[in-house]
Protein backbone atom coordinates (compact mmCIF):
# COMPACT_ATOMS: atom_id res chain seq x y z
CA MET A 1 0.21 0.41 0.15
CA SER A 2 1.14 3.60 -0.61
CA ASN A 3 1.42 6.12 1.79
CA PRO A 4 -2.28 6.87 2.40
CA ILE A 5 -1.30 10.99 3.60
CA THR A 6 -1.64 13.06 0.67
CA GLY A 7 -2.33 16.58 2.19
CA MET A 8 -5.47 15.94 1.08
CA MET A 9 -8.70 16.12 4.04
CA ASN A 10 -9.72 13.07 6.31
CA PHE A 11 -12.69 12.64 7.48
CA PHE A 12 -12.87 9.85 10.55
CA TYR A 13 -15.98 8.47 12.20
CA GLN A 14 -17.14 9.95 15.39
CA ASN A 15 -13.91 8.91 18.57
CA SER A 16 -14.71 6.23 20.04
CA LEU A 17 -13.61 7.17 23.26
CA ILE A 18 -16.80 8.63 23.54
CA THR A 19 -19.07 6.83 21.74
CA GLU A 20 -18.58 4.12 23.36
CA ALA A 21 -18.45 3.13 27.11
CA ASN A 22 -14.60 3.46 28.16
CA THR A 23 -12.18 4.32 30.96
CA LEU A 24 -9.52 6.58 30.28
CA THR A 25 -6.77 7.00 32.91
CA ALA A 26 -2.94 8.06 33.51
CA SER A 27 -0.21 7.18 35.63
CA SER A 28 -0.22 10.84 36.87
CA GLY A 29 -1.57 13.93 37.10
CA ALA A 30 -5.28 14.72 36.71
CA ALA A 31 -7.57 15.77 34.20
CA ILE A 32 -7.50 12.96 31.76
CA ALA A 33 -11.33 13.22 30.85
CA ASN A 34 -9.48 16.64 28.97
CA VAL A 35 -8.64 14.74 26.05
CA ILE A 36 -12.20 14.18 25.07
CA ASP A 37 -14.35 17.03 26.24
CA PHE A 38 -14.60 19.24 22.96
CA ASP A 39 -12.81 22.00 24.78
CA ARG A 40 -9.04 22.54 22.86
CA SER A 41 -8.01 24.43 25.54
CA THR A 42 -8.04 21.91 27.54
CA LYS A 43 -5.26 19.00 28.58
CA TRP A 44 -3.85 16.35 30.43
CA GLN A 45 -0.87 16.98 32.35
CA SER A 46 1.40 15.04 34.12
CA SER A 47 2.95 15.32 37.43
CA GLY A 48 6.11 14.89 38.54
CA SER A 49 7.51 13.65 35.07
CA ASN A 50 10.92 13.94 33.61
CA ASP A 51 12.57 12.10 30.69
CA LEU A 52 13.08 8.78 32.76
CA THR A 53 9.96 8.46 33.88
CA THR A 54 7.58 6.50 31.22
CA GLU A 55 3.68 7.90 31.61
CA THR A 56 0.95 5.43 30.92
CA LEU A 57 -2.54 6.72 29.57
CA LEU A 58 -4.81 3.78 29.38
CA ALA A 59 -7.97 3.24 27.19
CA THR A 60 -10.34 0.47 28.08
CA PHE A 61 -13.46 -0.01 25.43
CA THR A 62 -16.36 -2.78 27.52
CA ALA A 63 -16.82 -4.08 24.35
CA ALA A 64 -14.16 -5.06 21.39
CA GLN A 65 -13.64 -1.57 18.95
CA SER A 66 -12.67 -2.01 15.32
CA ILE A 67 -9.67 1.28 14.77
CA ASN A 68 -7.27 1.70 12.35
CA SER A 69 -6.52 5.92 13.10
CA ILE A 70 -5.17 7.51 16.21
CA LEU A 71 -4.34 11.05 16.69
CA LEU A 72 -2.74 12.77 19.28
CA ILE A 73 -3.13 16.42 19.27
CA GLY A 74 -1.22 18.95 21.59
CA ILE A 75 1.69 16.73 22.44
CA ASN A 76 5.60 17.78 23.68
CA TRP A 77 6.55 14.46 23.33
CA LYS A 78 9.75 13.33 22.05
CA GLU A 79 9.70 9.87 22.49
CA PHE A 80 6.65 7.57 23.23
CA THR A 81 4.87 4.22 22.14
CA ILE A 82 1.36 2.92 21.19
CA GLN A 83 -0.13 -0.47 21.77
CA TYR A 84 -3.28 -2.24 21.53
CA GLU A 85 -4.39 -4.70 23.93
CA SER A 86 -4.57 -8.27 21.30
CA SER A 87 -5.72 -10.72 24.27
CA PRO A 88 -6.59 -9.90 27.91
CA GLY A 89 -3.41 -7.98 29.87
CA ILE A 90 -1.53 -8.25 26.36
CA TYR A 91 -0.33 -5.15 24.66
CA SER A 92 0.73 -5.82 20.82
CA ASN A 93 2.28 -3.71 18.39
CA LEU A 94 0.19 -1.86 15.37
CA SER A 95 1.09 -2.85 11.63
CA ASN A 96 1.55 -1.15 9.03
CA VAL A 97 1.75 2.31 10.13
CA TRP A 98 1.90 5.69 8.63
CA SER A 99 2.32 8.87 10.03
CA LEU A 100 4.19 11.41 8.33
CA SER A 101 3.40 12.11 4.49
CA SER A 102 7.73 12.14 3.41
CA GLU A 103 7.65 8.17 4.77
CA THR A 104 8.58 5.99 1.66
CA SER A 105 7.76 2.63 3.55
CA ALA A 106 5.37 1.82 6.41
CA ALA A 107 6.37 1.40 10.23
CA ALA A 108 6.16 -2.27 11.97
CA SER A 109 4.98 -0.06 15.12
CA ILE A 110 4.56 3.10 16.75
CA ASN A 111 7.47 3.59 18.42
CA PRO A 112 8.81 7.27 17.42
CA THR A 113 12.09 8.05 19.12
CA THR A 114 12.82 11.75 17.33
CA ASN A 115 9.72 13.43 17.54
CA THR A 116 9.41 17.48 16.73
CA LEU A 117 5.72 17.22 16.19
CA TYR A 118 3.10 19.60 18.46
CA ALA A 119 0.40 16.62 16.71
CA ARG A 120 0.65 13.42 15.10
CA MET A 121 -1.70 11.10 12.80
CA PHE A 122 -1.35 7.14 12.61
CA LEU A 123 -2.98 5.39 10.05
CA PHE A 124 -2.37 1.67 10.27
CA ASP A 125 -4.16 -1.84 9.67
CA SER A 126 -7.21 -2.36 11.30
CA VAL A 127 -7.58 -4.15 14.83
CA SER A 128 -10.62 -5.35 16.61
CA THR A 129 -9.47 -4.25 20.30
CA THR A 130 -10.56 -3.49 24.26
CA GLY A 131 -7.59 -1.54 24.74
CA ILE A 132 -5.35 1.09 23.94
CA ARG A 133 -1.98 1.71 25.77
CA ILE A 134 0.34 4.86 25.12
CA ARG A 135 3.49 5.71 26.78
CA PRO A 136 5.53 8.53 26.16
CA LEU A 137 8.71 8.86 27.72
CA LYS A 138 11.06 11.64 26.77
CA THR A 139 9.55 15.61 26.11
CA ILE A 140 10.66 17.77 23.04
CA VAL A 141 12.33 20.10 25.35
CA SER A 142 14.46 17.94 28.06
CA ASP A 143 12.59 16.97 31.51
CA GLN A 144 9.40 18.62 31.02
CA GLU A 145 5.68 17.76 32.01
CA LYS A 146 3.74 15.75 29.65
CA TYR A 147 0.82 17.06 27.98
CA LEU A 148 -1.40 15.75 25.73
CA PHE A 149 -4.21 18.26 24.60
CA GLU A 150 -7.01 15.78 23.00
CA LEU A 151 -6.61 12.10 21.35
CA TYR A 152 -9.30 10.35 18.73
CA ILE A 153 -8.65 6.52 18.89
CA GLY A 154 -11.26 5.34 15.80
CA TYR A 155 -12.01 4.65 12.37
CA ARG A 156 -11.13 6.32 9.31
CA ILE A 157 -14.09 7.23 7.29
CA GLY A 158 -11.71 8.64 3.86
CA THR A 159 -9.07 10.49 2.58
CA MET A 160 -10.23 12.74 -0.50
CA SER A 161 -8.77 12.33 -3.90
CA ASN A 162 -10.75 15.87 -4.79
CA ASP A 163 -9.18 19.39 -2.80
CA LEU A 164 -12.14 20.92 -1.48
CA ALA A 165 -10.42 23.85 -1.29
CA CYS A 166 -9.50 24.69 -4.74
CA VAL A 167 -11.74 25.25 -7.82
CA PRO A 168 -14.53 24.79 -8.38
CA ASN A 169 -14.73 23.66 -5.00
CA SER A 170 -15.31 26.13 -2.28
CA PHE A 171 -14.13 25.42 1.44
CA LYS A 172 -15.15 28.74 3.92
CA ALA A 173 -13.99 28.10 7.12
CA ILE A 174 -14.44 29.98 10.36
CA ALA A 175 -11.33 29.26 12.11
CA ARG A 176 -12.76 30.84 15.45
CA ASN A 177 -16.30 31.52 15.58
CA THR A 178 -16.59 33.24 18.73
CA ASN A 179 -20.11 33.74 18.74
CA SER A 180 -19.59 37.62 20.43
CA ALA A 181 -22.44 39.85 21.65
CA TYR A 182 -21.93 43.67 21.36
CA ILE A 183 -23.25 45.99 23.89
CA LYS A 184 -23.21 49.69 23.42
CA LYS A 185 -21.95 51.35 26.32
CA SER A 186 -23.55 54.42 28.22
CA ASN A 187 -20.34 56.40 26.92
CA GLY A 188 -21.17 55.65 23.20
CA GLY A 189 -18.57 52.85 23.04
CA ILE A 190 -18.67 48.87 22.22
CA THR A 191 -17.76 46.50 24.42
CA LYS A 192 -17.70 42.46 22.73
CA TYR A 193 -18.66 39.73 24.83
CA GLU A 194 -17.36 36.13 23.64
CA PHE A 195 -19.19 33.41 24.23
CA SER A 196 -16.90 30.44 22.36
CA ASP A 197 -13.78 29.92 19.79
CA LYS A 198 -15.73 26.94 17.84
CA TYR A 199 -14.41 25.95 14.21
CA SER A 200 -17.39 26.09 11.15
CA VAL A 201 -17.10 25.61 7.34
CA LYS A 202 -19.22 26.29 4.32
CA VAL A 203 -18.20 23.64 2.12
CA ASN A 204 -19.69 23.72 -1.79
CA ILE A 205 -18.43 20.92 -3.66
CA LYS A 206 -18.91 21.30 -8.01
CA ASN A 207 -18.41 18.72 -10.33
CA MET A 208 -17.62 15.80 -8.40
CA TRP A 209 -17.58 12.40 -10.03
CA GLU A 210 -15.23 10.48 -8.52
CA SER A 211 -17.32 7.00 -6.76
CA ALA A 212 -14.95 7.28 -3.18
CA ASP A 213 -15.28 10.69 -3.33
CA ILE A 214 -19.03 10.64 -3.21
CA ALA A 215 -19.00 7.51 -0.98
CA ILE A 216 -17.15 9.95 1.27
CA ILE A 217 -19.99 12.23 1.37
CA ASP A 218 -22.55 9.99 1.88
CA GLU A 219 -21.24 8.40 4.81
CA LEU A 220 -20.59 11.82 6.28
CA PHE A 221 -24.70 12.91 5.55
CA ASN A 222 -25.17 8.99 7.00
CA VAL A 223 -23.65 9.65 10.11
CA GLY A 224 -24.16 13.27 10.79
CA GLU A 225 -21.29 13.39 13.50
CA PHE A 226 -17.83 13.19 12.74
CA ALA A 227 -14.08 14.87 12.57
CA VAL A 228 -12.39 16.76 9.78
CA TYR A 229 -8.81 16.92 9.61
CA PRO A 230 -8.38 19.78 6.91
CA CYS A 231 -4.56 19.26 7.00
CA GLY A 232 -4.84 15.82 5.98
CA GLY A 233 -1.96 14.94 8.27
CA LYS A 234 0.01 17.01 6.46
CA ASN A 235 2.51 19.31 8.06
CA ASP A 236 2.59 22.46 5.38
CA TYR A 237 1.20 25.10 7.23
CA THR A 238 2.58 26.34 10.56
CA VAL A 239 0.85 29.44 11.12
CA GLN A 240 -2.68 29.36 9.35
CA LYS A 241 -4.86 28.36 11.95
CA GLY A 242 -7.62 25.72 10.49
CA TRP A 243 -4.96 24.25 8.45
CA ARG A 244 -2.22 23.37 10.61
CA ILE A 245 -0.85 19.88 12.06
CA GLN A 246 -3.35 20.66 15.28
CA ASP A 247 -6.11 21.50 13.71
CA PHE A 248 -8.33 18.44 14.15
CA TYR A 249 -12.22 19.21 14.30
CA ASN A 250 -15.13 16.96 15.84
CA VAL A 251 -17.92 18.55 14.09
CA VAL A 252 -21.91 17.89 12.82
CA LEU A 253 -23.28 18.47 9.35
CA LYS A 254 -25.79 20.93 8.94
CA SER A 255 -27.66 20.71 5.86
CA ASP A 256 -30.01 18.13 3.83
CA GLN A 257 -28.22 16.21 0.92
CA ASN A 258 -29.15 17.18 -2.43
CA SER A 259 -28.43 15.61 -5.79
CA GLU A 260 -27.84 17.44 -8.29
CA PHE A 261 -26.41 16.45 -11.27
CA SER A 262 -23.43 19.49 -12.58
CA ILE A 263 -24.67 19.54 -16.27
CA GLY A 264 -28.09 17.49 -17.34
CA ARG A 265 -28.18 14.15 -16.29
CA ASP A 266 -24.67 13.14 -16.82
CA PRO A 267 -22.63 10.98 -14.03
CA THR A 268 -19.14 11.70 -15.75
CA LEU A 269 -19.66 15.16 -15.66
CA GLY A 270 -19.98 15.16 -11.66
CA MET A 271 -22.89 16.04 -8.86
CA ASN A 272 -22.75 19.31 -6.65
CA TYR A 273 -23.21 19.25 -3.14
CA ASP A 274 -23.87 22.21 -0.39
CA PHE A 275 -23.51 21.35 3.18
CA GLU A 276 -21.82 23.39 6.68
CA LEU A 277 -19.93 22.11 9.28
CA LEU A 278 -20.11 23.03 12.75
CA GLU A 279 -17.98 22.55 15.76
CA GLN A 280 -19.43 20.67 18.80
């Protein structure tokens, strides 16, 4: 299999840590629940850790889950491992692992030792498991407390072959939707109240004829709630909010599914779609 990380948008089913009964624990620190709270500003952080301390984050499901994707959003880890529970109490390596767009072959495990990125996506052969064990050891800056803002464990819907951000398509994103209220003061000035920091986007697709891409769009409408990774896991954008490697969003789809041919009733000339995504 060639590298599936192309820079095109990835879509994922909802986080199994949210949709399924689970237990999430950490060997030290507090607020491990922050990694699945739909708040991108909160995090788990270790306590009393250094580069000689292996921390353990353990996700346990009450029923086996099929997974092929793990994302770590907001990390300061240089060296870490991720394994799945292959039998009760036994953890094994995931296989055929892809993580970076520059890779020319898949890895036999998830075991980075020189990571410098703030977020990482790992795609691998699907496994059915009741648990995932994550063990960070060293940090990018030596001996810091280890932290993690968001953790995704689940199944990938697919990667688009069309670029939704390029013509004839349109991907109009609001990277920071504050839902602000503006109150006029007695002196004639204005006070601004910001109620959120959420992501939203209006998607307009033209002339889509590729069957695989149409199947992804159909599935987005089927499930209604999912996760979108605009950068596709490729670290091309470092300052453009909404496109950075850490910009991963849990969203709901707001729209009915239209079924409009681009020209006449010719399927080879594609279909048009319009919908809106709102961050959860």
